[in-house]
């Protein structure tokens, strides 16, 4: 989850409430999650379309 945005150690501390993240970092996480969701939905839709047209 934190890859390329913050270190694993920092991310762990954020999860435990030891550190806070700034707005810019939070936005980066949000974009990462959105992109992962879009990639998942894309694969799901393509798979569904292939199943539909091949059956």
PDB file of N, CA and C in Angstrom:
ATOM      1  N   UNK A   1       0.824  -1.195   0.000  1.00  0.00           N
ATOM      2  CA  UNK A   1       0.000   0.000   0.000  1.00  0.00           C
ATOM      3  C   UNK A   1       0.866   1.256   0.000  1.00  0.00           C
ATOM      4  N   UNK A   2       1.914   1.241   0.770  1.00  0.00           N
ATOM      5  CA  UNK A   2       2.725   2.452   0.918  1.00  0.00           C
ATOM      6  C   UNK A   2       3.826   2.571  -0.135  1.00  0.00           C
ATOM      7  N   UNK A   3       4.020   1.522  -0.903  1.00  0.00           N
ATOM      8  CA  UNK A   3       5.131   1.487  -1.851  1.00  0.00           C
ATOM      9  C   UNK A   3       5.158   2.713  -2.757  1.00  0.00           C
ATOM     10  N   UNK A   4       6.289   3.382  -2.761  1.00  0.00           N
ATOM     11  CA  UNK A   4       6.457   4.532  -3.619  1.00  0.00           C
ATOM     12  C   UNK A   4       5.871   5.826  -3.066  1.00  0.00           C
ATOM     13  N   UNK A   5       5.172   5.754  -1.946  1.00  0.00           N
ATOM     14  CA  UNK A   5       4.569   6.956  -1.368  1.00  0.00           C
ATOM     15  C   UNK A   5       5.275   7.314  -0.063  1.00  0.00           C
ATOM     16  N   UNK A   6       5.303   6.388   0.874  1.00  0.00           N
ATOM     17  CA  UNK A   6       6.034   6.556   2.128  1.00  0.00           C
ATOM     18  C   UNK A   6       6.687   5.216   2.459  1.00  0.00           C
ATOM     19  N   UNK A   7       7.601   5.217   3.407  1.00  0.00           N
ATOM     20  CA  UNK A   7       8.253   3.967   3.797  1.00  0.00           C
ATOM     21  C   UNK A   7       7.264   3.088   4.573  1.00  0.00           C
ATOM     22  N   UNK A   8       7.535   1.793   4.576  1.00  0.00           N
ATOM     23  CA  UNK A   8       6.674   0.861   5.320  1.00  0.00           C
ATOM     24  C   UNK A   8       6.659   1.209   6.805  1.00  0.00           C
ATOM     25  N   UNK A   9       7.820   1.601   7.308  1.00  0.00           N
ATOM     26  CA  UNK A   9       7.928   1.952   8.716  1.00  0.00           C
ATOM     27  C   UNK A   9       7.050   3.165   9.050  1.00  0.00           C
ATOM     28  N   UNK A  10       7.098   4.182   8.197  1.00  0.00           N
ATOM     29  CA  UNK A  10       6.283   5.373   8.425  1.00  0.00           C
ATOM     30  C   UNK A  10       4.803   5.024   8.333  1.00  0.00           C
ATOM     31  N   UNK A  11       4.436   4.232   7.319  1.00  0.00           N
ATOM     32  CA  UNK A  11       3.040   3.825   7.127  1.00  0.00           C
ATOM     33  C   UNK A  11       2.527   3.065   8.351  1.00  0.00           C
ATOM     34  N   UNK A  12       3.374   2.181   8.887  1.00  0.00           N
ATOM     35  CA  UNK A  12       2.999   1.424  10.078  1.00  0.00           C
ATOM     36  C   UNK A  12       2.730   2.366  11.252  1.00  0.00           C
ATOM     37  N   UNK A  13       3.561   3.385  11.391  1.00  0.00           N
ATOM     38  CA  UNK A  13       3.378   4.347  12.478  1.00  0.00           C
ATOM     39  C   UNK A  13       2.102   5.174  12.286  1.00  0.00           C
ATOM     40  N   UNK A  14       1.757   5.464  11.041  1.00  0.00           N
ATOM     41  CA  UNK A  14       0.505   6.177  10.762  1.00  0.00           C
ATOM     42  C   UNK A  14      -0.676   5.300  11.167  1.00  0.00           C
ATOM     43  N   UNK A  15      -0.616   4.005  10.802  1.00  0.00           N
ATOM     44  CA  UNK A  15      -1.699   3.080  11.167  1.00  0.00           C
ATOM     45  C   UNK A  15      -1.881   2.982  12.680  1.00  0.00           C
ATOM     46  N   UNK A  16      -0.776   3.057  13.415  1.00  0.00           N
ATOM     47  CA  UNK A  16      -0.837   2.944  14.877  1.00  0.00           C
ATOM     48  C   UNK A  16      -1.112   4.276  15.560  1.00  0.00           C
ATOM     49  N   UNK A  17      -1.199   5.350  14.788  1.00  0.00           N
ATOM     50  CA  UNK A  17      -1.489   6.656  15.366  1.00  0.00           C
ATOM     51  C   UNK A  17      -0.275   7.376  15.940  1.00  0.00           C
ATOM     52  N   UNK A  18       0.931   6.874  15.622  1.00  0.00           N
ATOM     53  CA  UNK A  18       2.151   7.493  16.119  1.00  0.00           C
ATOM     54  C   UNK A  18       2.495   8.733  15.286  1.00  0.00           C
ATOM     55  N   UNK A  19       2.287   8.638  13.982  1.00  0.00           N
ATOM     56  CA  UNK A  19       2.543   9.755  13.063  1.00  0.00           C
ATOM     57  C   UNK A  19       1.251  10.087  12.328  1.00  0.00           C
ATOM     58  N   UNK A  20       1.192  11.300  11.826  1.00  0.00           N
ATOM     59  CA  UNK A  20       0.088  11.721  10.958  1.00  0.00           C
ATOM     60  C   UNK A  20       0.667  11.959   9.565  1.00  0.00           C
ATOM     61  N   UNK A  21      -0.194  11.915   8.564  1.00  0.00           N
ATOM     62  CA  UNK A  21       0.260  12.226   7.208  1.00  0.00           C
ATOM     63  C   UNK A  21      -0.324  13.570   6.790  1.00  0.00           C
ATOM     64  N   UNK A  22       0.373  14.219   5.891  1.00  0.00           N
ATOM     65  CA  UNK A  22      -0.116  15.513   5.417  1.00  0.00           C
ATOM     66  C   UNK A  22      -1.137  15.308   4.295  1.00  0.00           C
ATOM     67  N   UNK A  23      -1.795  16.373   3.924  1.00  0.00           N
ATOM     68  CA  UNK A  23      -2.855  16.299   2.912  1.00  0.00           C
ATOM     69  C   UNK A  23      -2.327  15.793   1.576  1.00  0.00           C
ATOM     70  N   UNK A  24      -1.144  16.223   1.196  1.00  0.00           N
ATOM     71  CA  UNK A  24      -0.578  15.802  -0.088  1.00  0.00           C
ATOM     72  C   UNK A  24      -0.364  14.285  -0.128  1.00  0.00           C
ATOM     73  N   UNK A  25       0.152  13.727   0.951  1.00  0.00           N
ATOM     74  CA  UNK A  25       0.367  12.280   1.020  1.00  0.00           C
ATOM     75  C   UNK A  25      -0.961  11.541   1.031  1.00  0.00           C
ATOM     76  N   UNK A  26      -1.936  12.063   1.747  1.00  0.00           N
ATOM     77  CA  UNK A  26      -3.264  11.447   1.764  1.00  0.00           C
ATOM     78  C   UNK A  26      -3.860  11.423   0.360  1.00  0.00           C
ATOM     79  N   UNK A  27      -3.698  12.496  -0.374  1.00  0.00           N
ATOM     80  CA  UNK A  27      -4.202  12.551  -1.754  1.00  0.00           C
ATOM     81  C   UNK A  27      -3.491  11.517  -2.620  1.00  0.00           C
ATOM     82  N   UNK A  28      -2.182  11.362  -2.426  1.00  0.00           N
ATOM     83  CA  UNK A  28      -1.447  10.326  -3.178  1.00  0.00           C
ATOM     84  C   UNK A  28      -2.007   8.941  -2.885  1.00  0.00           C
ATOM     85  N   UNK A  29      -2.285   8.640  -1.613  1.00  0.00           N
ATOM     86  CA  UNK A  29      -2.882   7.353  -1.254  1.00  0.00           C
ATOM     87  C   UNK A  29      -4.242   7.192  -1.928  1.00  0.00           C
ATOM     88  N   UNK A  30      -5.036   8.235  -1.913  1.00  0.00           N
ATOM     89  CA  UNK A  30      -6.367   8.172  -2.529  1.00  0.00           C
ATOM     90  C   UNK A  30      -6.264   7.881  -4.023  1.00  0.00           C
ATOM     91  N   UNK A  31      -5.353   8.571  -4.712  1.00  0.00           N
ATOM     92  CA  UNK A  31      -5.165   8.318  -6.138  1.00  0.00           C
ATOM     93  C   UNK A  31      -4.707   6.882  -6.379  1.00  0.00           C
ATOM     94  N   UNK A  32      -3.805   6.391  -5.534  1.00  0.00           N
ATOM     95  CA  UNK A  32      -3.335   5.015  -5.669  1.00  0.00           C
ATOM     96  C   UNK A  32      -4.504   4.039  -5.537  1.00  0.00           C
ATOM     97  N   UNK A  33      -5.353   4.247  -4.537  1.00  0.00           N
ATOM     98  CA  UNK A  33      -6.499   3.361  -4.324  1.00  0.00           C
ATOM     99  C   UNK A  33      -7.462   3.444  -5.506  1.00  0.00           C
ATOM    100  N   UNK A  34      -7.712   4.645  -5.990  1.00  0.00           N
ATOM    101  CA  UNK A  34      -8.603   4.818  -7.148  1.00  0.00           C
ATOM    102  C   UNK A  34      -8.047   4.085  -8.367  1.00  0.00           C
ATOM    103  N   UNK A  35      -6.745   4.230  -8.617  1.00  0.00           N
ATOM    104  CA  UNK A  35      -6.139   3.565  -9.773  1.00  0.00           C
ATOM    105  C   UNK A  35      -6.196   2.047  -9.633  1.00  0.00           C
ATOM    106  N   UNK A  36      -5.967   1.531  -8.431  1.00  0.00           N
ATOM    107  CA  UNK A  36      -6.056   0.088  -8.221  1.00  0.00           C
ATOM    108  C   UNK A  36      -7.490  -0.408  -8.428  1.00  0.00           C
ATOM    109  N   UNK A  37      -8.462   0.357  -7.957  1.00  0.00           N
ATOM    110  CA  UNK A  37      -9.865  -0.003  -8.145  1.00  0.00           C
ATOM    111  C   UNK A  37     -10.233   0.000  -9.625  1.00  0.00           C
ATOM    112  N   UNK A  38      -9.781   1.010 -10.353  1.00  0.00           N
ATOM    113  CA  UNK A  38     -10.060   1.067 -11.790  1.00  0.00           C
ATOM    114  C   UNK A  38      -9.419  -0.103 -12.531  1.00  0.00           C
ATOM    115  N   UNK A  39      -8.201  -0.461 -12.156  1.00  0.00           N
ATOM    116  CA  UNK A  39      -7.530  -1.600 -12.788  1.00  0.00           C
ATOM    117  C   UNK A  39      -8.297  -2.888 -12.506  1.00  0.00           C
ATOM    118  N   UNK A  40      -8.769  -3.048 -11.277  1.00  0.00           N
ATOM    119  CA  UNK A  40      -9.555  -4.233 -10.919  1.00  0.00           C
ATOM    120  C   UNK A  40     -10.854  -4.287 -11.722  1.00  0.00           C
ATOM    121  N   UNK A  41     -11.563  -3.162 -11.772  1.00  0.00           N
ATOM    122  CA  UNK A  41     -12.824  -3.125 -12.513  1.00  0.00           C
ATOM    123  C   UNK A  41     -12.604  -3.367 -13.996  1.00  0.00           C
ATOM    124  N   UNK A  42     -11.524  -2.843 -14.536  1.00  0.00           N
ATOM    125  CA  UNK A  42     -11.205  -3.061 -15.947  1.00  0.00           C
ATOM    126  C   UNK A  42     -11.039  -4.554 -16.227  1.00  0.00           C
ATOM    127  N   UNK A  43     -10.255  -5.232 -15.381  1.00  0.00           N
ATOM    128  CA  UNK A  43     -10.048  -6.677 -15.564  1.00  0.00           C
ATOM    129  C   UNK A  43     -11.359  -7.439 -15.414  1.00  0.00           C
ATOM    130  N   UNK A  44     -12.173  -7.036 -14.463  1.00  0.00           N
ATOM    131  CA  UNK A  44     -13.449  -7.691 -14.235  1.00  0.00           C
ATOM    132  C   UNK A  44     -14.367  -7.532 -15.441  1.00  0.00           C
ATOM    133  N   UNK A  45     -14.449  -6.341 -15.974  1.00  0.00           N
ATOM    134  CA  UNK A  45     -15.310  -6.069 -17.131  1.00  0.00           C
ATOM    135  C   UNK A  45     -14.813  -6.825 -18.353  1.00  0.00           C
ATOM    136  N   UNK A  46     -13.513  -6.787 -18.604  1.00  0.00           N
ATOM    137  CA  UNK A  46     -12.944  -7.512 -19.754  1.00  0.00           C
ATOM    138  C   UNK A  46     -13.226  -9.002 -19.612  1.00  0.00           C
ATOM    139  N   UNK A  47     -13.034  -9.539 -18.419  1.00  0.00           N
ATOM    140  CA  UNK A  47     -13.296 -10.960 -18.180  1.00  0.00           C
ATOM    141  C   UNK A  47     -14.762 -11.284 -18.435  1.00  0.00           C
ATOM    142  N   UNK A  48     -15.651 -10.443 -17.944  1.00  0.00           N
ATOM    143  CA  UNK A  48     -17.087 -10.654 -18.137  1.00  0.00           C
ATOM    144  C   UNK A  48     -17.445 -10.592 -19.623  1.00  0.00           C
ATOM    145  N   UNK A  49     -16.893  -9.625 -20.345  1.00  0.00           N
ATOM    146  CA  UNK A  49     -17.183  -9.501 -21.767  1.00  0.00           C
ATOM    147  C   UNK A  49     -16.659 -10.703 -22.542  1.00  0.00           C
ATOM    148  N   UNK A  50     -15.460 -11.154 -22.213  1.00  0.00           N
ATOM    149  CA  UNK A  50     -14.915 -12.333 -22.877  1.00  0.00           C
ATOM    150  C   UNK A  50     -15.772 -13.560 -22.618  1.00  0.00           C
ATOM    151  N   UNK A  51     -16.180 -13.750 -21.377  1.00  0.00           N
ATOM    152  CA  UNK A  51     -17.052 -14.879 -21.044  1.00  0.00           C
ATOM    153  C   UNK A  51     -18.361 -14.801 -21.821  1.00  0.00           C
ATOM    154  N   UNK A  52     -18.910 -13.614 -21.927  1.00  0.00           N
ATOM    155  CA  UNK A  52     -20.187 -13.412 -22.613  1.00  0.00           C
ATOM    156  C   UNK A  52     -20.073 -13.725 -24.098  1.00  0.00           C
ATOM    157  N   UNK A  53     -19.015 -13.218 -24.742  1.00  0.00           N
ATOM    158  CA  UNK A  53     -18.885 -13.391 -26.184  1.00  0.00           C
ATOM    159  C   UNK A  53     -18.337 -14.746 -26.575  1.00  0.00           C
ATOM    160  N   UNK A  54     -17.653 -15.426 -25.692  1.00  0.00           N
ATOM    161  CA  UNK A  54     -17.073 -16.720 -26.016  1.00  0.00           C
ATOM    162  C   UNK A  54     -17.988 -17.885 -25.658  1.00  0.00           C
ATOM    163  N   UNK A  55     -19.087 -17.599 -24.954  1.00  0.00           N
ATOM    164  CA  UNK A  55     -19.980 -18.699 -24.592  1.00  0.00           C
ATOM    165  C   UNK A  55     -21.198 -18.741 -25.463  1.00  0.00           C
TER     166      UNK A  55
END
